[in-house]
């Protein structure tokens, strides 16, 4: 049995930038807009994931949102409830807890 909620699809801080902090976004239901953050978002999207400048830009976006008191309504809280039996072998979650990994699961008839 599995129960899922909303969470990161991938381990990168830009995910919530694109769904909640950009002008015109209604995903976070904040209806908040800062053109500076939109410009920073475009620059962030163009940089490689491991670029230190990208990390610093994401931190600056966070500082701006906090200082301007952007109000973000969380979509859902992530949760995961997984039940299994001792005879189910090989079951695991991916590192982000987004989907169960079932390709190597088997029932031990032993």
N, C-alpha and C. Protein backbone atom coordinates (compact mmCIF):
# COMPACT_ATOMS: atom_id res chain seq x y z
N UNK A 1 0.85 -1.18 0.00
CA UNK A 1 0.00 0.00 0.00
C UNK A 1 0.89 1.23 0.00
N UNK A 2 0.53 2.22 -0.78
CA UNK A 2 1.32 3.43 -0.87
C UNK A 2 0.40 4.64 -0.90
N UNK A 3 0.80 5.70 -0.22
CA UNK A 3 0.08 6.96 -0.23
C UNK A 3 1.09 8.05 -0.56
N UNK A 4 0.77 8.92 -1.53
CA UNK A 4 1.73 9.93 -1.96
C UNK A 4 1.16 11.33 -1.78
N UNK A 5 2.03 12.30 -1.60
CA UNK A 5 1.67 13.71 -1.57
C UNK A 5 2.57 14.46 -2.53
N UNK A 6 2.50 15.76 -2.53
CA UNK A 6 3.32 16.56 -3.43
C UNK A 6 4.70 16.74 -2.84
N UNK A 7 5.69 16.71 -3.67
CA UNK A 7 7.06 16.96 -3.25
C UNK A 7 7.91 17.25 -4.46
N UNK A 8 9.18 17.41 -4.22
CA UNK A 8 10.09 17.67 -5.32
C UNK A 8 10.08 16.54 -6.33
N UNK A 9 10.10 16.88 -7.60
CA UNK A 9 10.25 15.89 -8.65
C UNK A 9 11.73 15.60 -8.90
N UNK A 10 12.56 16.54 -8.56
CA UNK A 10 14.00 16.39 -8.70
C UNK A 10 14.67 17.29 -7.68
N UNK A 11 15.88 16.97 -7.27
CA UNK A 11 16.52 17.70 -6.17
C UNK A 11 17.15 19.03 -6.61
N UNK A 12 16.34 20.00 -6.92
CA UNK A 12 16.85 21.28 -7.34
C UNK A 12 15.93 22.39 -6.83
N UNK A 13 16.52 23.43 -6.29
CA UNK A 13 15.73 24.51 -5.71
C UNK A 13 14.91 25.31 -6.70
N UNK A 14 15.17 25.16 -7.98
CA UNK A 14 14.42 25.95 -8.96
C UNK A 14 13.00 25.44 -9.17
N UNK A 15 12.69 24.26 -8.70
CA UNK A 15 11.34 23.73 -8.95
C UNK A 15 10.26 24.64 -8.39
N UNK A 16 10.42 25.07 -7.15
CA UNK A 16 9.39 25.95 -6.58
C UNK A 16 9.49 27.36 -7.11
N UNK A 17 10.67 27.75 -7.58
CA UNK A 17 10.80 29.05 -8.24
C UNK A 17 9.90 29.09 -9.46
N UNK A 18 9.91 28.04 -10.25
CA UNK A 18 9.14 28.06 -11.49
C UNK A 18 7.64 27.86 -11.27
N UNK A 19 7.24 27.18 -10.20
CA UNK A 19 5.81 26.96 -10.02
C UNK A 19 5.14 27.95 -9.08
N UNK A 20 5.92 28.69 -8.30
CA UNK A 20 5.26 29.55 -7.32
C UNK A 20 5.73 30.99 -7.31
N UNK A 21 6.97 31.26 -7.69
CA UNK A 21 7.50 32.61 -7.51
C UNK A 21 7.60 33.42 -8.79
N UNK A 22 7.20 32.89 -9.92
CA UNK A 22 7.29 33.67 -11.14
C UNK A 22 5.99 34.41 -11.41
N UNK A 23 6.14 35.57 -12.03
CA UNK A 23 4.96 36.38 -12.37
C UNK A 23 3.99 35.56 -13.22
N UNK A 24 2.72 35.63 -12.88
CA UNK A 24 1.70 34.92 -13.63
C UNK A 24 1.43 33.51 -13.14
N UNK A 25 2.25 33.01 -12.24
CA UNK A 25 2.03 31.66 -11.74
C UNK A 25 0.87 31.65 -10.75
N UNK A 26 0.01 30.68 -10.89
CA UNK A 26 -1.08 30.51 -9.93
C UNK A 26 -0.93 29.22 -9.15
N UNK A 27 0.17 28.50 -9.40
CA UNK A 27 0.35 27.20 -8.74
C UNK A 27 0.43 27.33 -7.23
N UNK A 28 1.14 28.34 -6.74
CA UNK A 28 1.25 28.53 -5.30
C UNK A 28 0.13 29.37 -4.74
N UNK A 29 -0.73 29.87 -5.60
CA UNK A 29 -1.88 30.71 -5.27
C UNK A 29 -1.47 31.95 -4.48
N UNK A 30 -0.25 32.43 -4.73
CA UNK A 30 0.21 33.64 -4.07
C UNK A 30 -0.12 34.87 -4.91
N UNK A 31 -0.22 34.70 -6.22
CA UNK A 31 -0.45 35.80 -7.14
C UNK A 31 0.53 36.93 -6.86
N UNK A 32 1.76 36.55 -6.63
CA UNK A 32 2.84 37.47 -6.28
C UNK A 32 3.75 37.61 -7.48
N UNK A 33 4.30 38.79 -7.68
CA UNK A 33 5.12 39.01 -8.87
C UNK A 33 6.27 39.95 -8.56
N UNK A 34 7.45 39.55 -8.97
CA UNK A 34 8.63 40.40 -8.88
C UNK A 34 9.43 40.17 -10.16
N UNK A 35 9.46 41.15 -11.06
CA UNK A 35 10.17 41.00 -12.33
C UNK A 35 11.65 40.66 -12.16
N UNK A 36 12.26 41.10 -11.06
CA UNK A 36 13.67 40.78 -10.80
C UNK A 36 13.83 39.27 -10.63
N UNK A 37 12.92 38.65 -9.91
CA UNK A 37 12.99 37.20 -9.72
C UNK A 37 12.74 36.48 -11.04
N UNK A 38 11.87 37.00 -11.87
CA UNK A 38 11.67 36.39 -13.20
C UNK A 38 12.96 36.42 -14.01
N UNK A 39 13.66 37.56 -14.00
CA UNK A 39 14.93 37.65 -14.72
C UNK A 39 15.95 36.67 -14.15
N UNK A 40 16.01 36.60 -12.82
CA UNK A 40 16.94 35.66 -12.18
C UNK A 40 16.58 34.22 -12.52
N UNK A 41 15.28 33.94 -12.62
CA UNK A 41 14.83 32.59 -12.97
C UNK A 41 15.30 32.19 -14.36
N UNK A 42 15.28 33.12 -15.30
CA UNK A 42 15.77 32.83 -16.65
C UNK A 42 17.27 32.56 -16.63
N UNK A 43 18.00 33.34 -15.83
CA UNK A 43 19.45 33.12 -15.73
C UNK A 43 19.74 31.78 -15.05
N UNK A 44 19.00 31.45 -14.02
CA UNK A 44 19.17 30.17 -13.31
C UNK A 44 18.93 29.00 -14.27
N UNK A 45 17.88 29.09 -15.06
CA UNK A 45 17.53 28.00 -15.98
C UNK A 45 18.61 27.76 -17.03
N UNK A 46 19.37 28.79 -17.34
CA UNK A 46 20.40 28.66 -18.38
C UNK A 46 21.73 28.10 -17.85
N UNK A 47 21.86 28.01 -16.54
CA UNK A 47 23.12 27.55 -15.95
C UNK A 47 23.09 26.05 -15.67
N UNK A 48 24.24 25.38 -15.72
CA UNK A 48 24.29 23.96 -15.36
C UNK A 48 23.91 23.76 -13.89
N UNK A 49 23.35 22.60 -13.57
CA UNK A 49 22.89 22.32 -12.21
C UNK A 49 23.99 22.45 -11.17
N UNK A 50 25.22 22.12 -11.52
CA UNK A 50 26.30 22.15 -10.54
C UNK A 50 27.10 23.45 -10.54
N UNK A 51 26.61 24.48 -11.21
CA UNK A 51 27.31 25.76 -11.27
C UNK A 51 27.11 26.51 -9.95
N UNK A 52 28.20 26.91 -9.27
CA UNK A 52 28.07 27.65 -8.01
C UNK A 52 27.29 28.96 -8.15
N UNK A 53 27.37 29.58 -9.31
CA UNK A 53 26.60 30.82 -9.53
C UNK A 53 25.09 30.54 -9.46
N UNK A 54 24.69 29.38 -9.97
CA UNK A 54 23.27 28.99 -9.94
C UNK A 54 22.78 28.85 -8.49
N UNK A 55 23.61 28.23 -7.66
CA UNK A 55 23.27 28.08 -6.25
C UNK A 55 23.14 29.43 -5.58
N UNK A 56 24.07 30.33 -5.86
CA UNK A 56 24.02 31.67 -5.26
C UNK A 56 22.79 32.44 -5.74
N UNK A 57 22.44 32.31 -7.02
CA UNK A 57 21.22 32.98 -7.52
C UNK A 57 19.97 32.43 -6.84
N UNK A 58 19.91 31.12 -6.64
CA UNK A 58 18.76 30.54 -5.94
C UNK A 58 18.68 31.05 -4.50
N UNK A 59 19.82 31.19 -3.86
CA UNK A 59 19.83 31.76 -2.49
C UNK A 59 19.35 33.21 -2.49
N UNK A 60 19.76 33.96 -3.51
CA UNK A 60 19.32 35.35 -3.60
C UNK A 60 17.81 35.44 -3.84
N UNK A 61 17.28 34.56 -4.67
CA UNK A 61 15.82 34.52 -4.88
C UNK A 61 15.13 34.27 -3.54
N UNK A 62 15.67 33.34 -2.78
CA UNK A 62 15.08 33.03 -1.48
C UNK A 62 15.13 34.27 -0.56
N UNK A 63 16.26 34.97 -0.54
CA UNK A 63 16.38 36.18 0.29
C UNK A 63 15.36 37.23 -0.12
N UNK A 64 15.21 37.44 -1.43
CA UNK A 64 14.25 38.43 -1.92
C UNK A 64 12.84 38.05 -1.49
N UNK A 65 12.47 36.80 -1.69
CA UNK A 65 11.12 36.36 -1.34
C UNK A 65 10.85 36.53 0.15
N UNK A 66 11.84 36.22 0.97
CA UNK A 66 11.68 36.38 2.42
C UNK A 66 11.56 37.86 2.78
N UNK A 67 12.44 38.69 2.23
CA UNK A 67 12.42 40.12 2.55
C UNK A 67 11.16 40.81 2.06
N UNK A 68 10.61 40.36 0.94
CA UNK A 68 9.39 40.96 0.41
C UNK A 68 8.15 40.26 0.97
N UNK A 69 8.37 39.28 1.82
CA UNK A 69 7.31 38.52 2.46
C UNK A 69 6.32 37.94 1.46
N UNK A 70 6.89 37.29 0.46
CA UNK A 70 6.05 36.59 -0.52
C UNK A 70 5.26 35.51 0.22
N UNK A 71 3.99 35.46 -0.01
CA UNK A 71 3.13 34.50 0.67
C UNK A 71 2.91 33.31 -0.25
N UNK A 72 3.42 32.17 0.15
CA UNK A 72 3.27 30.97 -0.65
C UNK A 72 2.39 29.97 0.07
N UNK A 73 1.38 29.50 -0.61
CA UNK A 73 0.50 28.48 -0.05
C UNK A 73 1.05 27.13 -0.47
N UNK A 74 1.44 26.30 0.49
CA UNK A 74 1.94 24.97 0.09
C UNK A 74 0.86 24.20 -0.65
N UNK A 75 1.26 23.51 -1.70
CA UNK A 75 0.30 22.73 -2.47
C UNK A 75 -0.15 21.50 -1.68
N UNK A 76 0.77 20.72 -1.26
CA UNK A 76 0.52 19.53 -0.47
C UNK A 76 1.77 19.24 0.34
N UNK A 77 1.62 18.51 1.38
CA UNK A 77 2.79 18.05 2.13
C UNK A 77 3.16 16.66 1.62
N UNK A 78 4.43 16.44 1.45
CA UNK A 78 4.88 15.11 1.01
C UNK A 78 4.65 14.11 2.13
N UNK A 79 4.19 12.97 1.74
CA UNK A 79 4.09 11.87 2.68
C UNK A 79 4.28 10.57 1.92
N UNK A 80 4.69 9.59 2.62
CA UNK A 80 4.84 8.28 2.01
C UNK A 80 4.53 7.24 3.07
N UNK A 81 3.61 6.39 2.78
CA UNK A 81 3.27 5.28 3.66
C UNK A 81 3.41 4.02 2.84
N UNK A 82 4.34 3.19 3.22
CA UNK A 82 4.61 1.99 2.45
C UNK A 82 4.52 0.79 3.38
N UNK A 83 3.69 -0.14 3.02
CA UNK A 83 3.55 -1.36 3.79
C UNK A 83 4.03 -2.52 2.94
N UNK A 84 4.69 -3.45 3.59
CA UNK A 84 5.21 -4.59 2.86
C UNK A 84 5.19 -5.81 3.78
N UNK A 85 5.43 -6.95 3.21
CA UNK A 85 5.52 -8.20 3.97
C UNK A 85 6.95 -8.71 3.89
N UNK A 86 7.34 -9.54 4.84
CA UNK A 86 8.70 -10.10 4.85
C UNK A 86 9.00 -10.90 3.59
N UNK A 87 7.99 -11.49 2.97
CA UNK A 87 8.23 -12.31 1.79
C UNK A 87 8.34 -11.49 0.50
N UNK A 88 8.11 -10.16 0.57
CA UNK A 88 8.31 -9.28 -0.58
C UNK A 88 9.76 -8.81 -0.52
N UNK A 89 10.54 -9.14 -1.53
CA UNK A 89 11.97 -8.85 -1.55
C UNK A 89 12.29 -7.84 -2.65
N UNK A 90 13.31 -7.03 -2.41
CA UNK A 90 13.81 -6.10 -3.42
C UNK A 90 13.04 -4.80 -3.52
N UNK A 91 12.02 -4.58 -2.69
CA UNK A 91 11.26 -3.33 -2.79
C UNK A 91 12.06 -2.18 -2.17
N UNK A 92 12.00 -1.03 -2.81
CA UNK A 92 12.71 0.16 -2.34
C UNK A 92 12.09 1.40 -2.95
N UNK A 93 12.44 2.56 -2.42
CA UNK A 93 12.02 3.84 -3.00
C UNK A 93 13.20 4.48 -3.70
N UNK A 94 12.91 5.35 -4.64
CA UNK A 94 14.01 6.11 -5.22
C UNK A 94 14.47 7.15 -4.20
N UNK A 95 15.64 7.74 -4.37
CA UNK A 95 16.19 8.65 -3.37
C UNK A 95 15.33 9.87 -3.05
N UNK A 96 14.45 10.26 -3.95
CA UNK A 96 13.61 11.43 -3.71
C UNK A 96 12.25 11.07 -3.14
N UNK A 97 12.01 9.80 -2.91
CA UNK A 97 10.73 9.32 -2.39
C UNK A 97 9.57 9.70 -3.30
N UNK A 98 9.82 9.72 -4.60
CA UNK A 98 8.74 10.12 -5.51
C UNK A 98 7.99 8.93 -6.08
N UNK A 99 8.69 7.86 -6.38
CA UNK A 99 8.03 6.69 -6.96
C UNK A 99 8.65 5.42 -6.39
N UNK A 100 7.85 4.41 -6.18
CA UNK A 100 8.45 3.14 -5.78
C UNK A 100 9.22 2.53 -6.94
N UNK A 101 10.32 1.90 -6.63
CA UNK A 101 11.12 1.23 -7.65
C UNK A 101 10.74 -0.24 -7.58
N UNK A 102 10.04 -0.73 -8.60
CA UNK A 102 9.50 -2.08 -8.55
C UNK A 102 10.13 -3.03 -9.56
N UNK A 103 11.15 -2.58 -10.25
CA UNK A 103 11.69 -3.43 -11.31
C UNK A 103 12.41 -4.67 -10.78
N UNK A 104 12.86 -4.65 -9.52
CA UNK A 104 13.58 -5.80 -8.97
C UNK A 104 12.85 -6.41 -7.78
N UNK A 105 11.55 -6.35 -7.77
CA UNK A 105 10.74 -6.88 -6.68
C UNK A 105 10.29 -8.29 -7.00
N UNK A 106 10.34 -9.16 -6.00
CA UNK A 106 9.87 -10.53 -6.18
C UNK A 106 9.28 -11.05 -4.88
N UNK A 107 8.48 -12.08 -5.01
CA UNK A 107 7.88 -12.76 -3.87
C UNK A 107 8.73 -13.98 -3.54
N UNK A 108 9.22 -14.07 -2.32
CA UNK A 108 10.00 -15.22 -1.88
C UNK A 108 9.04 -16.31 -1.45
N UNK A 109 8.97 -17.36 -2.22
CA UNK A 109 8.03 -18.45 -1.96
C UNK A 109 8.58 -19.42 -0.91
N UNK A 110 9.85 -19.20 -0.50
CA UNK A 110 10.63 -20.06 0.33
C UNK A 110 10.09 -20.67 1.50
